[in-house]
Every structure is written in structure tokens, then in C-alpha cells.
C-alpha atoms as a PDB file:
ATOM      1  CA  MET A   1      12.742  -4.317  -1.837  1.00  0.00           C
ATOM      2  CA  THR A   2      10.171  -1.546  -1.642  1.00  0.00           C
ATOM      3  CA  GLY A   3       8.930   0.392   1.372  1.00  0.00           C
ATOM      4  CA  ILE A   4       5.161   0.642   1.467  1.00  0.00           C
ATOM      5  CA  LYS A   5       2.735   2.329   3.848  1.00  0.00           C
ATOM      6  CA  ILE A   6       0.437   0.013   5.814  1.00  0.00           C
ATOM      7  CA  ASN A   7      -2.688   1.570   4.255  1.00  0.00           C
ATOM      8  CA  ASP A   8      -1.320   0.781   0.778  1.00  0.00           C
ATOM      9  CA  LEU A   9      -0.656  -2.905   1.467  1.00  0.00           C
ATOM     10  CA  GLN A  10      -2.467  -5.432  -0.672  1.00  0.00           C
ATOM     11  CA  LEU A  11      -3.304  -8.934   0.436  1.00  0.00           C
ATOM     12  CA  GLY A  12      -0.724 -11.445  -0.741  1.00  0.00           C
ATOM     13  CA  MET A  13       2.219  -9.023  -0.836  1.00  0.00           C
ATOM     14  CA  GLU A  14       5.357 -10.638   0.572  1.00  0.00           C
ATOM     15  CA  LEU A  15       7.491  -9.135   3.327  1.00  0.00           C
ATOM     16  CA  ASP A  16      11.103  -8.633   2.284  1.00  0.00           C
ATOM     17  CA  GLU A  17      12.364  -8.042   5.832  1.00  0.00           C
ATOM     18  CA  PRO A  18      11.133  -9.106   9.254  1.00  0.00           C
ATOM     19  CA  VAL A  19       8.740  -6.635  10.860  1.00  0.00           C
ATOM     20  CA  ARG A  20       9.690  -5.706  14.423  1.00  0.00           C
ATOM     21  CA  ASN A  21       7.935  -3.795  17.185  1.00  0.00           C
ATOM     22  CA  LEU A  22       9.583  -0.910  19.046  1.00  0.00           C
ATOM     23  CA  GLN A  23      11.232  -3.371  21.462  1.00  0.00           C
ATOM     24  CA  GLY A  24      12.803  -5.263  18.551  1.00  0.00           C
ATOM     25  CA  LYS A  25      10.566  -8.329  18.829  1.00  0.00           C
ATOM     26  CA  VAL A  26       9.816  -9.913  15.455  1.00  0.00           C
ATOM     27  CA  LEU A  27       6.118  -9.598  14.672  1.00  0.00           C
ATOM     28  CA  PHE A  28       6.269 -11.201  11.213  1.00  0.00           C
ATOM     29  CA  ASP A  29       9.118 -12.967   9.443  1.00  0.00           C
ATOM     30  CA  ALA A  30      10.464 -12.070   6.020  1.00  0.00           C
ATOM     31  CA  GLY A  31       8.633 -13.998   3.335  1.00  0.00           C
ATOM     32  CA  SER A  32       5.276 -13.787   5.089  1.00  0.00           C
ATOM     33  CA  ALA A  33       2.378 -13.105   2.730  1.00  0.00           C
ATOM     34  CA  ILE A  34       0.205 -10.213   3.912  1.00  0.00           C
ATOM     35  CA  THR A  35      -3.270 -11.116   5.159  1.00  0.00           C
ATOM     36  CA  GLU A  36      -6.026  -9.015   6.725  1.00  0.00           C
ATOM     37  CA  LYS A  37      -4.854 -10.187  10.151  1.00  0.00           C
ATOM     38  CA  HIS A  38      -1.330  -8.939   9.391  1.00  0.00           C
ATOM     39  CA  VAL A  39      -2.650  -5.491   8.463  1.00  0.00           C
ATOM     40  CA  LYS A  40      -4.754  -5.256  11.638  1.00  0.00           C
ATOM     41  CA  ALA A  41      -1.832  -6.379  13.806  1.00  0.00           C
ATOM     42  CA  LEU A  42       0.573  -3.946  12.152  1.00  0.00           C
ATOM     43  CA  LYS A  43      -1.823  -1.074  12.765  1.00  0.00           C
ATOM     44  CA  ALA A  44      -2.329  -2.189  16.373  1.00  0.00           C
ATOM     45  CA  TRP A  45       1.437  -2.215  16.941  1.00  0.00           C
ATOM     46  CA  GLY A  46       1.805   1.234  15.372  1.00  0.00           C
ATOM     47  CA  VAL A  47       3.879   0.039  12.402  1.00  0.00           C
ATOM     48  CA  THR A  48       3.505   2.586   9.612  1.00  0.00           C
ATOM     49  CA  GLU A  49       5.617   1.070   6.829  1.00  0.00           C
ATOM     50  CA  VAL A  50       7.031  -2.320   5.852  1.00  0.00           C
ATOM     51  CA  GLN A  51       9.486  -3.564   3.255  1.00  0.00           C
ATOM     52  CA  ILE A  52       7.915  -5.780   0.624  1.00  0.00           C
ATOM     53  CA  VAL A  53       9.423  -7.877  -2.145  1.00  0.00           C
ATOM     54  CA  ASP A  54       9.384  -5.982  -5.425  1.00  0.00           C
ATOM     55  CA  PHE A  55       8.535  -8.648  -7.981  1.00  0.00           C
ATOM     56  CA  SER A  56       8.314  -6.050 -10.738  1.00  0.00           C
ATOM     57  CA  ALA A  57      12.095  -5.626 -10.491  1.00  0.00           C
ATOM     58  CA  ARG A  58      12.535  -9.064 -12.078  1.00  0.00           C
ATOM     59  CA  ASP A  59      13.320  -8.703 -15.779  1.00  0.00           C
ATOM     60  CA  THR A  60      12.282 -12.170 -16.873  1.00  0.00           C
ATOM     61  CA  ALA A  61      10.844 -15.192 -15.182  1.00  0.00           C
ATOM     62  CA  LEU A  62      13.053 -18.226 -15.028  1.00  0.00           C
ATOM     63  CA  PRO A  63      11.504 -21.462 -16.288  1.00  0.00           C
ATOM     64  CA  GLY A  64      10.996 -22.784 -12.748  1.00  0.00           C
ATOM     65  CA  ASP A  65       9.484 -19.531 -11.450  1.00  0.00           C
ATOM     66  CA  VAL A  66       6.072 -19.995 -13.073  1.00  0.00           C
ATOM     67  CA  LYS A  67       5.839 -23.583 -11.887  1.00  0.00           C
ATOM     68  CA  ASP A  68       6.946 -22.606  -8.369  1.00  0.00           C
ATOM     69  CA  GLU A  69       4.373 -19.786  -8.245  1.00  0.00           C
ATOM     70  CA  GLU A  70       1.617 -22.112  -9.417  1.00  0.00           C
ATOM     71  CA  GLU A  71       2.587 -24.692  -6.771  1.00  0.00           C
ATOM     72  CA  THR A  72       2.669 -22.000  -4.085  1.00  0.00           C
ATOM     73  CA  GLU A  73      -0.749 -20.690  -5.136  1.00  0.00           C
ATOM     74  CA  ALA A  74      -2.158 -24.214  -5.131  1.00  0.00           C
ATOM     75  CA  LYS A  75      -0.772 -24.857  -1.642  1.00  0.00           C
ATOM     76  CA  GLN A  76      -2.141 -21.548  -0.345  1.00  0.00           C
ATOM     77  CA  GLY A  77      -5.531 -22.307  -1.891  1.00  0.00           C
ATOM     78  CA  SER A  78      -5.552 -25.733  -0.242  1.00  0.00           C
ATOM     79  CA  MET A  79      -4.610 -24.247   3.128  1.00  0.00           C
ATOM     80  CA  ILE A  80      -7.323 -21.600   2.851  1.00  0.00           C
ATOM     81  CA  GLU A  81      -9.922 -24.159   1.853  1.00  0.00           C
ATOM     82  CA  ALA A  82      -8.908 -26.406   4.769  1.00  0.00           C
ATOM     83  CA  ARG A  83      -9.317 -23.501   7.217  1.00  0.00           C
ATOM     84  CA  VAL A  84     -12.743 -22.620   5.832  1.00  0.00           C
ATOM     85  CA  GLN A  85     -13.801 -26.279   5.912  1.00  0.00           C
ATOM     86  CA  ASP A  86     -12.773 -26.388   9.565  1.00  0.00           C
ATOM     87  CA  LEU A  87     -14.974 -23.366  10.272  1.00  0.00           C
ATOM     88  CA  PHE A  88     -17.953 -25.071   8.630  1.00  0.00           C
ATOM     89  CA  LYS A  89     -17.390 -28.579   9.993  1.00  0.00           C
ATOM     90  CA  MET A  90     -20.357 -28.434  12.382  1.00  0.00           C
ATOM     91  CA  THR A  91     -22.843 -27.116   9.808  1.00  0.00           C
ATOM     92  CA  ASP A  92     -25.331 -28.726   7.447  1.00  0.00           C
ATOM     93  CA  CYS A  93     -23.395 -28.538   4.171  1.00  0.00           C
ATOM     94  CA  GLU A  94     -26.521 -29.466   2.215  1.00  0.00           C
ATOM     95  CA  ASP A  95     -28.324 -26.288   3.288  1.00  0.00           C
ATOM     96  CA  PRO A  96     -28.267 -23.732   0.406  1.00  0.00           C
ATOM     97  CA  VAL A  97     -27.651 -20.845   2.809  1.00  0.00           C
ATOM     98  CA  ILE A  98     -24.638 -22.611   4.320  1.00  0.00           C
ATOM     99  CA  GLN A  99     -23.359 -23.414   0.829  1.00  0.00           C
ATOM    100  CA  GLU A 100     -23.538 -19.732  -0.109  1.00  0.00           C
ATOM    101  CA  LEU A 101     -21.830 -18.685   3.135  1.00  0.00           C
ATOM    102  CA  TYR A 102     -19.107 -21.259   2.464  1.00  0.00           C
ATOM    103  CA  ARG A 103     -18.634 -19.918  -1.073  1.00  0.00           C
ATOM    104  CA  LEU A 104     -18.428 -16.346   0.231  1.00  0.00           C
ATOM    105  CA  ALA A 105     -15.949 -17.352   2.931  1.00  0.00           C
ATOM    106  CA  LEU A 106     -13.704 -18.951   0.310  1.00  0.00           C
ATOM    107  CA  ALA A 107     -13.982 -15.913  -1.944  1.00  0.00           C
ATOM    108  CA  ARG A 108     -13.172 -13.526   0.879  1.00  0.00           C
ATOM    109  CA  ALA A 109     -10.198 -15.634   1.950  1.00  0.00           C
ATOM    110  CA  GLY A 110      -8.935 -15.620  -1.628  1.00  0.00           C
ATOM    111  CA  ALA A 111      -9.290 -19.310  -2.469  1.00  0.00           C
ATOM    112  CA  GLU A 112     -11.590 -18.850  -5.474  1.00  0.00           C
END
């Protein structure tokens, strides 16, 4: 577990503890992967620091860890692609401009 300032967060970092507002309401559960929306919400709620999972503290990866991480990345990529596809569902996917926008949307969301 490592405390990190909101401005130092990187997309994909995983919360080690739930993040709560001043009234104690849970804003984000432990295990949530940080997205741009998380960062904006944390700033809006005045949260200055969160506890993230410190993966560097692991000495060695267990045999299942690499497979599990690959499966998790594949699932996240599929979820991201599905969200972007939903955004573009009413567009002409044959149009080169739309194709480039779609590619950029995937890249920005982290699916490529």
C-alpha cells in the first residue's frame, strides 16, 4: 500500500483502500482501477491523496499472476472497445474520418 497525491496518479493504478468523502460515503471501492473520470471526481470532492496497491513490493510473480494479468488486460480492453463502439454506433464506420476518430478514441481510452 502506498499513499499517492492525486496529481501523481497514473491511469490504471489500483486503489488499495476505499476512497471516502468527508461524510464517510464511499466514492470508489478498493480494487478500482484509476481512470480520468476517477481523477476528476477525486479533485471535485477535494480528495488530495489515495492509497494505491504497490505492485513493486512483490518479489516474484507467481505462475498464475502473469496469466491473470493478461486475462484482466484482455477483459479491460474488450470493455473499453465495447464502450467506444457504443459511442460510434450511429456513425458511418466506412468514412475515413470516423475510422480515425474511432482509432483515436480507442488509443485515448487505452485499448490499443
